[in-house]
Each structure stands twice: as structure tokens, then as C-alpha cells.
PDB file of N, CA and C in Angstrom:
ATOM      1  N   MET A   1      41.787 -54.255  91.652  1.00  0.00           N
ATOM      2  CA  MET A   1      42.730 -55.541  91.624  1.00  0.00           C
ATOM      3  C   MET A   1      44.492 -55.327  91.568  1.00  0.00           C
ATOM      4  N   PRO A   2      44.734 -54.597  92.643  1.00  0.00           N
ATOM      5  CA  PRO A   2      46.630 -54.495  92.916  1.00  0.00           C
ATOM      6  C   PRO A   2      47.246 -55.242  92.212  1.00  0.00           C
ATOM      7  N   ILE A   3      47.849 -55.059  91.376  1.00  0.00           N
ATOM      8  CA  ILE A   3      49.157 -56.188  90.648  1.00  0.00           C
ATOM      9  C   ILE A   3      50.152 -55.213  90.455  1.00  0.00           C
ATOM     10  N   THR A   4      51.478 -55.927  90.832  1.00  0.00           N
ATOM     11  CA  THR A   4      52.629 -55.203  90.278  1.00  0.00           C
ATOM     12  C   THR A   4      53.743 -56.107  89.827  1.00  0.00           C
ATOM     13  N   ILE A   5      54.450 -55.804  88.945  1.00  0.00           N
ATOM     14  CA  ILE A   5      55.243 -56.464  88.455  1.00  0.00           C
ATOM     15  C   ILE A   5      56.735 -56.537  88.824  1.00  0.00           C
ATOM     16  N   ASP A   6      57.526 -57.104  89.236  1.00  0.00           N
ATOM     17  CA  ASP A   6      59.050 -56.994  89.539  1.00  0.00           C
ATOM     18  C   ASP A   6      59.751 -57.821  88.153  1.00  0.00           C
ATOM     19  N   ALA A   7      60.433 -56.933  87.891  1.00  0.00           N
ATOM     20  CA  ALA A   7      61.278 -57.107  86.607  1.00  0.00           C
ATOM     21  C   ALA A   7      62.404 -58.259  87.055  1.00  0.00           C
ATOM     22  N   GLY A   8      62.929 -57.817  88.368  1.00  0.00           N
ATOM     23  CA  GLY A   8      64.167 -58.389  88.962  1.00  0.00           C
ATOM     24  C   GLY A   8      63.854 -59.805  89.716  1.00  0.00           C
ATOM     25  N   ALA A   9      62.600 -60.086  89.628  1.00  0.00           N
ATOM     26  CA  ALA A   9      62.279 -61.286  90.118  1.00  0.00           C
ATOM     27  C   ALA A   9      62.475 -62.635  89.330  1.00  0.00           C
ATOM     28  N   SER A  10      62.832 -63.618  90.323  1.00  0.00           N
ATOM     29  CA  SER A  10      63.335 -64.840  89.378  1.00  0.00           C
ATOM     30  C   SER A  10      62.117 -65.350  88.745  1.00  0.00           C
ATOM     31  N   ALA A  11      60.718 -65.406  89.435  1.00  0.00           N
ATOM     32  CA  ALA A  11      59.646 -65.510  88.538  1.00  0.00           C
ATOM     33  C   ALA A  11      59.044 -64.742  87.232  1.00  0.00           C
ATOM     34  N   PRO A  12      58.596 -65.585  86.273  1.00  0.00           N
ATOM     35  CA  PRO A  12      58.550 -64.793  85.344  1.00  0.00           C
ATOM     36  C   PRO A  12      57.043 -63.961  85.285  1.00  0.00           C
ATOM     37  N   PRO A  13      56.989 -62.527  84.732  1.00  0.00           N
ATOM     38  CA  PRO A  13      55.483 -62.120  85.003  1.00  0.00           C
ATOM     39  C   PRO A  13      54.133 -62.557  84.795  1.00  0.00           C
ATOM     40  N   TYR A  14      54.180 -63.550  83.805  1.00  0.00           N
ATOM     41  CA  TYR A  14      52.935 -64.396  84.124  1.00  0.00           C
ATOM     42  C   TYR A  14      52.728 -65.091  84.941  1.00  0.00           C
ATOM     43  N   GLU A  15      53.556 -65.690  85.815  1.00  0.00           N
ATOM     44  CA  GLU A  15      53.678 -66.202  86.926  1.00  0.00           C
ATOM     45  C   GLU A  15      53.409 -65.318  88.308  1.00  0.00           C
ATOM     46  N   GLN A  16      54.127 -63.731  88.200  1.00  0.00           N
ATOM     47  CA  GLN A  16      53.635 -63.076  89.201  1.00  0.00           C
ATOM     48  C   GLN A  16      52.340 -62.590  89.294  1.00  0.00           C
ATOM     49  N   VAL A  17      51.673 -62.532  87.983  1.00  0.00           N
ATOM     50  CA  VAL A  17      50.311 -62.039  87.870  1.00  0.00           C
ATOM     51  C   VAL A  17      49.248 -63.459  88.276  1.00  0.00           C
ATOM     52  N   ARG A  18      49.492 -64.466  88.101  1.00  0.00           N
ATOM     53  CA  ARG A  18      48.787 -65.548  88.399  1.00  0.00           C
ATOM     54  C   ARG A  18      48.832 -65.664  89.998  1.00  0.00           C
ATOM     55  N   ALA A  19      49.995 -65.754  90.384  1.00  0.00           N
ATOM     56  CA  ALA A  19      50.410 -65.647  91.889  1.00  0.00           C
ATOM     57  C   ALA A  19      49.403 -64.686  92.620  1.00  0.00           C
ATOM     58  N   GLN A  20      49.376 -63.565  92.083  1.00  0.00           N
ATOM     59  CA  GLN A  20      48.652 -62.573  92.912  1.00  0.00           C
ATOM     60  C   GLN A  20      47.107 -62.480  92.927  1.00  0.00           C
ATOM     61  N   ILE A  21      46.720 -62.884  91.623  1.00  0.00           N
ATOM     62  CA  ILE A  21      45.276 -62.850  91.666  1.00  0.00           C
ATOM     63  C   ILE A  21      44.971 -63.992  92.483  1.00  0.00           C
ATOM     64  N   ALA A  22      45.707 -65.083  92.452  1.00  0.00           N
ATOM     65  CA  ALA A  22      45.541 -66.114  92.936  1.00  0.00           C
ATOM     66  C   ALA A  22      45.093 -65.970  94.605  1.00  0.00           C
ATOM     67  N   GLU A  23      46.295 -65.403  95.180  1.00  0.00           N
ATOM     68  CA  GLU A  23      46.124 -64.460  96.359  1.00  0.00           C
ATOM     69  C   GLU A  23      45.302 -63.921  96.880  1.00  0.00           C
ATOM     70  N   GLN A  24      44.635 -63.097  95.930  1.00  0.00           N
ATOM     71  CA  GLN A  24      43.464 -62.216  95.742  1.00  0.00           C
ATOM     72  C   GLN A  24      42.283 -62.813  96.277  1.00  0.00           C
ATOM     73  N   ILE A  25      42.025 -64.152  95.161  1.00  0.00           N
ATOM     74  CA  ILE A  25      40.865 -65.038  95.398  1.00  0.00           C
ATOM     75  C   ILE A  25      41.013 -65.833  96.791  1.00  0.00           C
ATOM     76  N   ARG A  26      41.935 -65.935  97.143  1.00  0.00           N
ATOM     77  CA  ARG A  26      42.361 -66.916  98.247  1.00  0.00           C
ATOM     78  C   ARG A  26      41.724 -65.995  99.496  1.00  0.00           C
ATOM     79  N   SER A  27      42.352 -64.571  99.337  1.00  0.00           N
ATOM     80  CA  SER A  27      42.265 -64.121 100.857  1.00  0.00           C
ATOM     81  C   SER A  27      41.006 -63.410 100.775  1.00  0.00           C
ATOM     82  N   GLY A  28      39.877 -63.350  99.668  1.00  0.00           N
ATOM     83  CA  GLY A  28      38.670 -62.864 100.095  1.00  0.00           C
ATOM     84  C   GLY A  28      38.491 -61.464  99.096  1.00  0.00           C
ATOM     85  N   SER A  29      39.802 -61.015  98.635  1.00  0.00           N
ATOM     86  CA  SER A  29      39.804 -59.678  98.515  1.00  0.00           C
ATOM     87  C   SER A  29      39.432 -59.519  96.978  1.00  0.00           C
ATOM     88  N   LEU A  30      39.257 -60.545  96.167  1.00  0.00           N
ATOM     89  CA  LEU A  30      38.669 -60.614  95.242  1.00  0.00           C
ATOM     90  C   LEU A  30      37.573 -61.771  95.295  1.00  0.00           C
ATOM     91  N   PRO A  31      36.499 -61.572  95.586  1.00  0.00           N
ATOM     92  CA  PRO A  31      35.058 -62.454  96.169  1.00  0.00           C
ATOM     93  C   PRO A  31      34.472 -62.911  94.585  1.00  0.00           C
ATOM     94  N   VAL A  32      33.917 -64.305  94.821  1.00  0.00           N
ATOM     95  CA  VAL A  32      33.778 -65.116  93.997  1.00  0.00           C
ATOM     96  C   VAL A  32      32.436 -64.350  93.407  1.00  0.00           C
ATOM     97  N   GLY A  33      32.196 -64.178  92.040  1.00  0.00           N
ATOM     98  CA  GLY A  33      31.424 -63.649  91.230  1.00  0.00           C
ATOM     99  C   GLY A  33      32.277 -62.406  90.205  1.00  0.00           C
ATOM    100  N   THR A  34      33.268 -61.750  90.980  1.00  0.00           N
ATOM    101  CA  THR A  34      34.174 -60.748  90.842  1.00  0.00           C
ATOM    102  C   THR A  34      34.540 -60.558  89.291  1.00  0.00           C
ATOM    103  N   ARG A  35      33.996 -59.631  88.510  1.00  0.00           N
ATOM    104  CA  ARG A  35      34.877 -59.661  87.351  1.00  0.00           C
ATOM    105  C   ARG A  35      36.082 -59.353  87.106  1.00  0.00           C
ATOM    106  N   LEU A  36      36.963 -59.628  86.423  1.00  0.00           N
ATOM    107  CA  LEU A  36      38.473 -59.646  86.218  1.00  0.00           C
ATOM    108  C   LEU A  36      38.497 -58.775  84.720  1.00  0.00           C
ATOM    109  N   PRO A  37      39.430 -58.241  85.092  1.00  0.00           N
ATOM    110  CA  PRO A  37      39.766 -57.132  83.750  1.00  0.00           C
ATOM    111  C   PRO A  37      39.872 -57.863  82.392  1.00  0.00           C
ATOM    112  N   THR A  38      39.786 -57.560  81.457  1.00  0.00           N
ATOM    113  CA  THR A  38      40.255 -58.377  80.126  1.00  0.00           C
ATOM    114  C   THR A  38      41.365 -58.133  79.850  1.00  0.00           C
ATOM    115  N   VAL A  39      41.727 -59.467  79.222  1.00  0.00           N
ATOM    116  CA  VAL A  39      43.153 -59.876  79.203  1.00  0.00           C
ATOM    117  C   VAL A  39      43.878 -58.543  78.541  1.00  0.00           C
ATOM    118  N   ARG A  40      43.404 -58.115  77.659  1.00  0.00           N
ATOM    119  CA  ARG A  40      43.722 -56.827  76.933  1.00  0.00           C
ATOM    120  C   ARG A  40      44.395 -55.794  78.187  1.00  0.00           C
ATOM    121  N   ARG A  41      43.042 -55.403  78.472  1.00  0.00           N
ATOM    122  CA  ARG A  41      43.090 -53.993  79.274  1.00  0.00           C
ATOM    123  C   ARG A  41      44.056 -54.835  80.712  1.00  0.00           C
ATOM    124  N   LEU A  42      44.312 -55.945  81.179  1.00  0.00           N
ATOM    125  CA  LEU A  42      45.089 -55.893  82.301  1.00  0.00           C
ATOM    126  C   LEU A  42      46.568 -55.920  81.472  1.00  0.00           C
ATOM    127  N   ALA A  43      46.486 -56.706  80.531  1.00  0.00           N
ATOM    128  CA  ALA A  43      48.001 -56.487  80.069  1.00  0.00           C
ATOM    129  C   ALA A  43      48.323 -54.657  79.321  1.00  0.00           C
ATOM    130  N   GLY A  44      47.626 -54.058  79.102  1.00  0.00           N
ATOM    131  CA  GLY A  44      47.940 -52.579  78.813  1.00  0.00           C
ATOM    132  C   GLY A  44      48.124 -52.080  79.815  1.00  0.00           C
ATOM    133  N   ASP A  45      47.514 -52.204  81.201  1.00  0.00           N
ATOM    134  CA  ASP A  45      47.896 -51.531  82.525  1.00  0.00           C
ATOM    135  C   ASP A  45      49.007 -52.229  83.217  1.00  0.00           C
ATOM    136  N   LEU A  46      49.578 -53.403  83.052  1.00  0.00           N
ATOM    137  CA  LEU A  46      50.535 -53.875  83.387  1.00  0.00           C
ATOM    138  C   LEU A  46      52.052 -53.213  82.528  1.00  0.00           C
ATOM    139  N   GLY A  47      51.624 -53.293  81.192  1.00  0.00           N
ATOM    140  CA  GLY A  47      52.706 -53.098  80.513  1.00  0.00           C
ATOM    141  C   GLY A  47      53.431 -54.324  79.799  1.00  0.00           C
ATOM    142  N   LEU A  48      52.435 -55.482  79.776  1.00  0.00           N
ATOM    143  CA  LEU A  48      52.925 -56.668  79.764  1.00  0.00           C
ATOM    144  C   LEU A  48      52.317 -57.337  78.211  1.00  0.00           C
ATOM    145  N   ALA A  49      52.718 -58.411  77.526  1.00  0.00           N
ATOM    146  CA  ALA A  49      52.166 -58.930  76.345  1.00  0.00           C
ATOM    147  C   ALA A  49      50.900 -59.178  76.475  1.00  0.00           C
ATOM    148  N   VAL A  50      50.112 -59.199  75.576  1.00  0.00           N
ATOM    149  CA  VAL A  50      48.724 -60.011  75.761  1.00  0.00           C
ATOM    150  C   VAL A  50      48.667 -61.553  75.996  1.00  0.00           C
ATOM    151  N   ASN A  51      49.857 -62.191  75.239  1.00  0.00           N
ATOM    152  CA  ASN A  51      49.788 -63.443  75.831  1.00  0.00           C
ATOM    153  C   ASN A  51      50.385 -63.851  77.015  1.00  0.00           C
ATOM    154  N   THR A  52      51.116 -63.042  77.697  1.00  0.00           N
ATOM    155  CA  THR A  52      51.696 -63.651  79.194  1.00  0.00           C
ATOM    156  C   THR A  52      50.457 -63.204  79.960  1.00  0.00           C
ATOM    157  N   VAL A  53      49.621 -62.301  79.804  1.00  0.00           N
ATOM    158  CA  VAL A  53      48.382 -62.231  80.582  1.00  0.00           C
ATOM    159  C   VAL A  53      47.119 -63.694  80.463  1.00  0.00           C
ATOM    160  N   ALA A  54      47.044 -63.867  79.188  1.00  0.00           N
ATOM    161  CA  ALA A  54      46.387 -64.575  78.727  1.00  0.00           C
ATOM    162  C   ALA A  54      46.749 -66.033  79.329  1.00  0.00           C
ATOM    163  N   ARG A  55      48.193 -66.229  79.469  1.00  0.00           N
ATOM    164  CA  ARG A  55      48.812 -67.598  79.852  1.00  0.00           C
ATOM    165  C   ARG A  55      48.445 -67.567  81.915  1.00  0.00           C
ATOM    166  N   SER A  56      48.712 -66.399  82.222  1.00  0.00           N
ATOM    167  CA  SER A  56      47.776 -66.527  83.553  1.00  0.00           C
ATOM    168  C   SER A  56      46.543 -66.656  83.678  1.00  0.00           C
ATOM    169  N   TYR A  57      45.996 -66.353  83.148  1.00  0.00           N
ATOM    170  CA  TYR A  57      44.667 -66.471  82.971  1.00  0.00           C
ATOM    171  C   TYR A  57      44.252 -68.188  82.933  1.00  0.00           C
ATOM    172  N   LYS A  58      44.941 -68.455  82.022  1.00  0.00           N
ATOM    173  CA  LYS A  58      44.543 -70.110  81.176  1.00  0.00           C
ATOM    174  C   LYS A  58      44.936 -71.182  82.578  1.00  0.00           C
ATOM    175  N   GLU A  59      46.035 -70.282  83.410  1.00  0.00           N
ATOM    176  CA  GLU A  59      46.273 -71.372  84.290  1.00  0.00           C
ATOM    177  C   GLU A  59      45.357 -71.266  85.722  1.00  0.00           C
ATOM    178  N   LEU A  60      44.802 -69.806  85.679  1.00  0.00           N
ATOM    179  CA  LEU A  60      43.991 -69.579  86.882  1.00  0.00           C
ATOM    180  C   LEU A  60      42.941 -70.508  86.699  1.00  0.00           C
ATOM    181  N   GLU A  61      42.458 -70.610  85.278  1.00  0.00           N
ATOM    182  CA  GLU A  61      41.223 -71.373  84.908  1.00  0.00           C
ATOM    183  C   GLU A  61      41.377 -72.680  85.321  1.00  0.00           C
ATOM    184  N   ALA A  62      42.722 -73.446  84.770  1.00  0.00           N
ATOM    185  CA  ALA A  62      42.901 -74.790  85.135  1.00  0.00           C
ATOM    186  C   ALA A  62      42.508 -75.204  86.685  1.00  0.00           C
ATOM    187  N   ASP A  63      43.390 -73.878  87.369  1.00  0.00           N
ATOM    188  CA  ASP A  63      42.870 -74.403  88.804  1.00  0.00           C
ATOM    189  C   ASP A  63      41.568 -74.001  89.471  1.00  0.00           C
ATOM    190  N   ASN A  64      40.750 -73.856  88.472  1.00  0.00           N
ATOM    191  CA  ASN A  64      39.470 -73.603  89.009  1.00  0.00           C
ATOM    192  C   ASN A  64      39.000 -72.179  89.780  1.00  0.00           C
ATOM    193  N   LEU A  65      40.135 -71.399  89.570  1.00  0.00           N
ATOM    194  CA  LEU A  65      39.768 -70.174  90.553  1.00  0.00           C
ATOM    195  C   LEU A  65      39.089 -69.134  89.557  1.00  0.00           C
ATOM    196  N   ILE A  66      39.326 -69.172  88.595  1.00  0.00           N
ATOM    197  CA  ILE A  66      38.503 -68.516  87.241  1.00  0.00           C
ATOM    198  C   ILE A  66      37.664 -69.193  86.362  1.00  0.00           C
ATOM    199  N   GLU A  67      36.709 -68.079  85.859  1.00  0.00           N
ATOM    200  CA  GLU A  67      35.654 -68.779  84.990  1.00  0.00           C
ATOM    201  C   GLU A  67      35.787 -67.735  83.588  1.00  0.00           C
ATOM    202  N   THR A  68      36.066 -68.436  82.493  1.00  0.00           N
ATOM    203  CA  THR A  68      35.560 -67.369  81.406  1.00  0.00           C
ATOM    204  C   THR A  68      34.465 -68.009  80.620  1.00  0.00           C
ATOM    205  N   ARG A  69      33.564 -66.764  80.790  1.00  0.00           N
ATOM    206  CA  ARG A  69      32.250 -66.723  80.284  1.00  0.00           C
ATOM    207  C   ARG A  69      31.818 -66.167  78.499  1.00  0.00           C
ATOM    208  N   GLY A  70      33.131 -66.330  78.068  1.00  0.00           N
ATOM    209  CA  GLY A  70      32.709 -65.871  76.592  1.00  0.00           C
ATOM    210  C   GLY A  70      32.496 -63.971  76.373  1.00  0.00           C
ATOM    211  N   ARG A  71      31.686 -63.643  75.701  1.00  0.00           N
ATOM    212  CA  ARG A  71      31.455 -62.518  75.472  1.00  0.00           C
ATOM    213  C   ARG A  71      30.887 -61.664  77.164  1.00  0.00           C
ATOM    214  N   HIS A  72      30.674 -62.544  78.122  1.00  0.00           N
ATOM    215  CA  HIS A  72      30.381 -61.838  79.708  1.00  0.00           C
ATOM    216  C   HIS A  72      31.734 -62.041  80.586  1.00  0.00           C
ATOM    217  N   GLY A  73      32.822 -61.925  79.905  1.00  0.00           N
ATOM    218  CA  GLY A  73      33.727 -62.232  80.577  1.00  0.00           C
ATOM    219  C   GLY A  73      34.449 -62.775  81.391  1.00  0.00           C
ATOM    220  N   THR A  74      35.655 -62.661  82.424  1.00  0.00           N
ATOM    221  CA  THR A  74      36.179 -63.544  82.957  1.00  0.00           C
ATOM    222  C   THR A  74      35.794 -63.215  84.670  1.00  0.00           C
ATOM    223  N   ILE A  75      35.416 -64.220  85.191  1.00  0.00           N
ATOM    224  CA  ILE A  75      35.118 -63.925  86.814  1.00  0.00           C
ATOM    225  C   ILE A  75      35.418 -64.827  87.558  1.00  0.00           C
ATOM    226  N   VAL A  76      35.893 -64.599  88.799  1.00  0.00           N
ATOM    227  CA  VAL A  76      36.142 -65.525  89.969  1.00  0.00           C
ATOM    228  C   VAL A  76      35.294 -66.226  90.373  1.00  0.00           C
ATOM    229  N   ALA A  77      35.909 -67.948  90.396  1.00  0.00           N
ATOM    230  CA  ALA A  77      34.693 -69.066  90.014  1.00  0.00           C
ATOM    231  C   ALA A  77      34.457 -69.464  91.746  1.00  0.00           C
ATOM    232  N   ALA A  78      33.509 -69.768  91.880  1.00  0.00           N
ATOM    233  CA  ALA A  78      33.023 -70.504  93.601  1.00  0.00           C
ATOM    234  C   ALA A  78      33.980 -72.300  93.344  1.00  0.00           C
ATOM    235  N   VAL A  79      34.344 -71.933  94.446  1.00  0.00           N
ATOM    236  CA  VAL A  79      35.189 -73.075  95.129  1.00  0.00           C
ATOM    237  C   VAL A  79      34.609 -73.389  96.434  1.00  0.00           C
ATOM    238  N   ASP A  80      35.082 -74.943  95.973  1.00  0.00           N
ATOM    239  CA  ASP A  80      34.300 -75.669  97.545  1.00  0.00           C
ATOM    240  C   ASP A  80      35.156 -75.297  98.486  1.00  0.00           C
ATOM    241  N   ASP A  81      34.554 -75.606  99.687  1.00  0.00           N
ATOM    242  CA  ASP A  81      35.352 -75.583 101.234  1.00  0.00           C
ATOM    243  C   ASP A  81      36.968 -76.190 100.730  1.00  0.00           C
ATOM    244  N   ALA A  82      36.739 -77.530 100.635  1.00  0.00           N
ATOM    245  CA  ALA A  82      37.840 -78.620 100.735  1.00  0.00           C
ATOM    246  C   ALA A  82      39.137 -77.658  99.572  1.00  0.00           C
ATOM    247  N   GLN A  83      38.212 -77.283  98.739  1.00  0.00           N
ATOM    248  CA  GLN A  83      39.551 -76.812  97.578  1.00  0.00           C
ATOM    249  C   GLN A  83      40.199 -75.555  98.045  1.00  0.00           C
ATOM    250  N   GLN A  84      39.340 -74.845  98.704  1.00  0.00           N
ATOM    251  CA  GLN A  84      39.731 -73.261  99.136  1.00  0.00           C
ATOM    252  C   GLN A  84      40.406 -73.764  99.903  1.00  0.00           C
ATOM    253  N   GLU A  85      39.998 -75.061 101.190  1.00  0.00           N
ATOM    254  CA  GLU A  85      41.191 -75.563 102.589  1.00  0.00           C
ATOM    255  C   GLU A  85      42.959 -75.726 101.805  1.00  0.00           C
ATOM    256  N   ALA A  86      42.570 -76.685 100.996  1.00  0.00           N
ATOM    257  CA  ALA A  86      44.045 -77.251 100.156  1.00  0.00           C
ATOM    258  C   ALA A  86      44.691 -75.913  99.851  1.00  0.00           C
ATOM    259  N   MET A  87      43.984 -74.930  98.935  1.00  0.00           N
ATOM    260  CA  MET A  87      44.761 -74.068  98.404  1.00  0.00           C
ATOM    261  C   MET A  87      45.346 -72.911  99.212  1.00  0.00           C
ATOM    262  N   GLN A  88      45.162 -72.747 100.395  1.00  0.00           N
ATOM    263  CA  GLN A  88      45.420 -72.131 101.334  1.00  0.00           C
ATOM    264  C   GLN A  88      46.755 -72.595 102.328  1.00  0.00           C
ATOM    265  N   ALA A  89      46.448 -74.238 102.353  1.00  0.00           N
ATOM    266  CA  ALA A  89      47.518 -74.788 102.765  1.00  0.00           C
ATOM    267  C   ALA A  89      48.315 -75.060 101.970  1.00  0.00           C
ATOM    268  N   ALA A  90      48.555 -75.167 100.372  1.00  0.00           N
ATOM    269  CA  ALA A  90      49.598 -75.037  99.688  1.00  0.00           C
ATOM    270  C   ALA A  90      50.034 -74.010  99.673  1.00  0.00           C
ATOM    271  N   ALA A  91      49.357 -72.425  99.730  1.00  0.00           N
ATOM    272  CA  ALA A  91      50.202 -71.196  99.723  1.00  0.00           C
ATOM    273  C   ALA A  91      50.798 -71.182 100.680  1.00  0.00           C
ATOM    274  N   ALA A  92      50.387 -71.261 102.185  1.00  0.00           N
ATOM    275  CA  ALA A  92      51.073 -71.391 103.081  1.00  0.00           C
ATOM    276  C   ALA A  92      52.702 -72.051 103.009  1.00  0.00           C
ATOM    277  N   TYR A  93      52.289 -73.653 102.346  1.00  0.00           N
ATOM    278  CA  TYR A  93      53.677 -74.134 102.148  1.00  0.00           C
ATOM    279  C   TYR A  93      54.588 -73.741 101.147  1.00  0.00           C
ATOM    280  N   VAL A  94      53.961 -72.822  99.992  1.00  0.00           N
ATOM    281  CA  VAL A  94      54.804 -72.572  99.594  1.00  0.00           C
ATOM    282  C   VAL A  94      55.311 -71.117 100.090  1.00  0.00           C
ATOM    283  N   GLU A  95      55.025 -70.553 100.450  1.00  0.00           N
ATOM    284  CA  GLU A  95      55.575 -69.544 101.656  1.00  0.00           C
ATOM    285  C   GLU A  95      56.455 -69.637 102.385  1.00  0.00           C
ATOM    286  N   ARG A  96      56.355 -71.060 103.019  1.00  0.00           N
ATOM    287  CA  ARG A  96      57.765 -71.409 103.773  1.00  0.00           C
ATOM    288  C   ARG A  96      58.455 -71.657 103.329  1.00  0.00           C
ATOM    289  N   VAL A  97      58.165 -72.506 102.023  1.00  0.00           N
ATOM    290  CA  VAL A  97      59.538 -73.146 101.095  1.00  0.00           C
ATOM    291  C   VAL A  97      60.533 -72.044 101.159  1.00  0.00           C
ATOM    292  N   ARG A  98      59.534 -71.096 100.596  1.00  0.00           N
ATOM    293  CA  ARG A  98      60.170 -70.013  99.605  1.00  0.00           C
ATOM    294  C   ARG A  98      61.174 -69.664 101.066  1.00  0.00           C
ATOM    295  N   ARG A  99      60.684 -69.169 101.894  1.00  0.00           N
ATOM    296  CA  ARG A  99      61.437 -68.178 103.392  1.00  0.00           C
ATOM    297  C   ARG A  99      62.824 -69.104 103.339  1.00  0.00           C
ATOM    298  N   LEU A 100      62.420 -70.431 103.496  1.00  0.00           N
ATOM    299  CA  LEU A 100      63.480 -71.837 103.654  1.00  0.00           C
ATOM    300  C   LEU A 100      64.564 -71.709 102.614  1.00  0.00           C
ATOM    301  N   GLY A 101      64.273 -71.147 101.278  1.00  0.00           N
ATOM    302  CA  GLY A 101      64.960 -71.049 100.539  1.00  0.00           C
ATOM    303  C   GLY A 101      65.311 -72.696  99.331  1.00  0.00           C
ATOM    304  N   LEU A 102      64.328 -73.153  99.724  1.00  0.00           N
ATOM    305  CA  LEU A 102      64.450 -74.394  99.021  1.00  0.00           C
ATOM    306  C   LEU A 102      63.994 -74.238  97.397  1.00  0.00           C
ATOM    307  N   THR A 103      64.340 -75.135  96.734  1.00  0.00           N
ATOM    308  CA  THR A 103      63.888 -75.112  95.404  1.00  0.00           C
ATOM    309  C   THR A 103      62.695 -75.548  94.960  1.00  0.00           C
ATOM    310  N   ASP A 104      62.034 -75.497  93.877  1.00  0.00           N
ATOM    311  CA  ASP A 104      60.793 -76.102  93.601  1.00  0.00           C
ATOM    312  C   ASP A 104      60.736 -77.440  93.836  1.00  0.00           C
ATOM    313  N   GLU A 105      61.929 -77.774  92.883  1.00  0.00           N
ATOM    314  CA  GLU A 105      62.309 -79.467  92.649  1.00  0.00           C
ATOM    315  C   GLU A 105      62.310 -80.232  93.957  1.00  0.00           C
ATOM    316  N   VAL A 106      63.054 -79.600  95.002  1.00  0.00           N
ATOM    317  CA  VAL A 106      62.773 -80.323  96.626  1.00  0.00           C
ATOM    318  C   VAL A 106      61.604 -80.189  97.400  1.00  0.00           C
ATOM    319  N   ALA A 107      60.969 -78.927  97.305  1.00  0.00           N
ATOM    320  CA  ALA A 107      59.560 -78.795  97.440  1.00  0.00           C
ATOM    321  C   ALA A 107      58.531 -79.904  97.124  1.00  0.00           C
ATOM    322  N   LEU A 108      58.613 -80.045  95.670  1.00  0.00           N
ATOM    323  CA  LEU A 108      58.050 -81.223  95.278  1.00  0.00           C
ATOM    324  C   LEU A 108      58.152 -82.426  95.409  1.00  0.00           C
ATOM    325  N   ARG A 109      59.348 -82.802  96.179  1.00  0.00           N
ATOM    326  CA  ARG A 109      59.950 -83.918  95.959  1.00  0.00           C
ATOM    327  C   ARG A 109      59.175 -83.991  97.563  1.00  0.00           C
ATOM    328  N   HIS A 110      59.041 -83.193  98.728  1.00  0.00           N
ATOM    329  CA  HIS A 110      58.829 -83.714 100.113  1.00  0.00           C
ATOM    330  C   HIS A 110      57.070 -83.697  99.799  1.00  0.00           C
ATOM    331  N   VAL A 111      56.295 -83.051  98.965  1.00  0.00           N
ATOM    332  CA  VAL A 111      55.185 -83.336  98.691  1.00  0.00           C
ATOM    333  C   VAL A 111      54.854 -84.619  98.781  1.00  0.00           C
ATOM    334  N   ALA A 112      55.648 -84.952  97.276  1.00  0.00           N
ATOM    335  CA  ALA A 112      55.457 -86.525  96.782  1.00  0.00           C
ATOM    336  C   ALA A 112      55.437 -87.588  97.783  1.00  0.00           C
ATOM    337  N   THR A 113      56.524 -87.222  98.723  1.00  0.00           N
ATOM    338  CA  THR A 113      57.056 -88.246 100.035  1.00  0.00           C
ATOM    339  C   THR A 113      55.758 -88.118 100.998  1.00  0.00           C
ATOM    340  N   ALA A 114      55.056 -86.811 100.997  1.00  0.00           N
ATOM    341  CA  ALA A 114      53.979 -86.924 102.363  1.00  0.00           C
ATOM    342  C   ALA A 114      53.176 -87.811 101.715  1.00  0.00           C
ATOM    343  N   LEU A 115      52.570 -87.353 100.464  1.00  0.00           N
ATOM    344  CA  LEU A 115      51.771 -88.349 100.281  1.00  0.00           C
ATOM    345  C   LEU A 115      51.792 -89.494  99.916  1.00  0.00           C
ATOM    346  N   GLU A 116      52.663 -89.792  99.461  1.00  0.00           N
ATOM    347  CA  GLU A 116      52.881 -91.523  99.481  1.00  0.00           C
ATOM    348  C   GLU A 116      52.913 -92.040 100.983  1.00  0.00           C
ATOM    349  N   ALA A 117      53.399 -91.469 102.020  1.00  0.00           N
ATOM    350  CA  ALA A 117      53.420 -91.550 103.245  1.00  0.00           C
ATOM    351  C   ALA A 117      51.877 -91.865 103.680  1.00  0.00           C
ATOM    352  N   HIS A 118      50.800 -91.456 103.487  1.00  0.00           N
ATOM    353  CA  HIS A 118      49.691 -91.062 103.681  1.00  0.00           C
ATOM    354  C   HIS A 118      48.436 -92.217 102.552  1.00  0.00           C
ATOM    355  N   GLU A 119      49.103 -92.852 101.936  1.00  0.00           N
ATOM    356  CA  GLU A 119      47.950 -93.514 100.840  1.00  0.00           C
ATOM    357  C   GLU A 119      47.744 -94.763 101.804  1.00  0.00           C
TER     358      GLU A 119
END
């Protein structure tokens, strides 16, 4: 599970970890059922604080991308087709917004407008 942290990036380290794991899940390079490293191990491997990696895992779990099973560890969760397609569309949108140089606030406003238009 290759993850790199760019100290000069505008995104904080927890977001860099979260985004890279999410992308690996979406792309299939981390298939359903894959066991992820423990928070402590990944933090040590990346030279990050344990709480930084724990936040990344917490957000991935909130997005239903991973499941924590106590002593059995953390694994890549099964995602239904609709959620998978929505995640891929969202990731493509974020890539495009970044290339255009838009702020998160503006990007979210565009999403809100589009959602309202399709009610």
C-alpha cells in the first residue's frame, strides 16, 4: 500500500493519507477484504503521529470504505455499485476542480447548485 506524504502540500497529512487510501480502494489496487496496516504501524512507516493516521482511518470508515473489526483489524469494506460509481464521479470532479484551481468552497457551491437543479 504505497503512500507518500508531501510536507509542502496544502492538504494536511491526514487528508493525504485518506485520499491515497481512498483512491487505491476505488481503483481496485486495494480490493475488498484487504487488511490494512494497524494505525501504529502505518504511522511509524510514514513518520506521522498515530492520531494523524487514526483520523484518516476514521474518515475512511465514515465514508464506508473501510471497516474496523476490533482485534481482527481494519479491512477494505464492500461497497455497492451505486456508491462505487458515485465515489468515482466525485473523485473525477475533484481532480477536475483541482486542475481548474477552484477552491473547495466554490466547488461545493457548484455541487449544491447542481443537486438543487435536479430535485
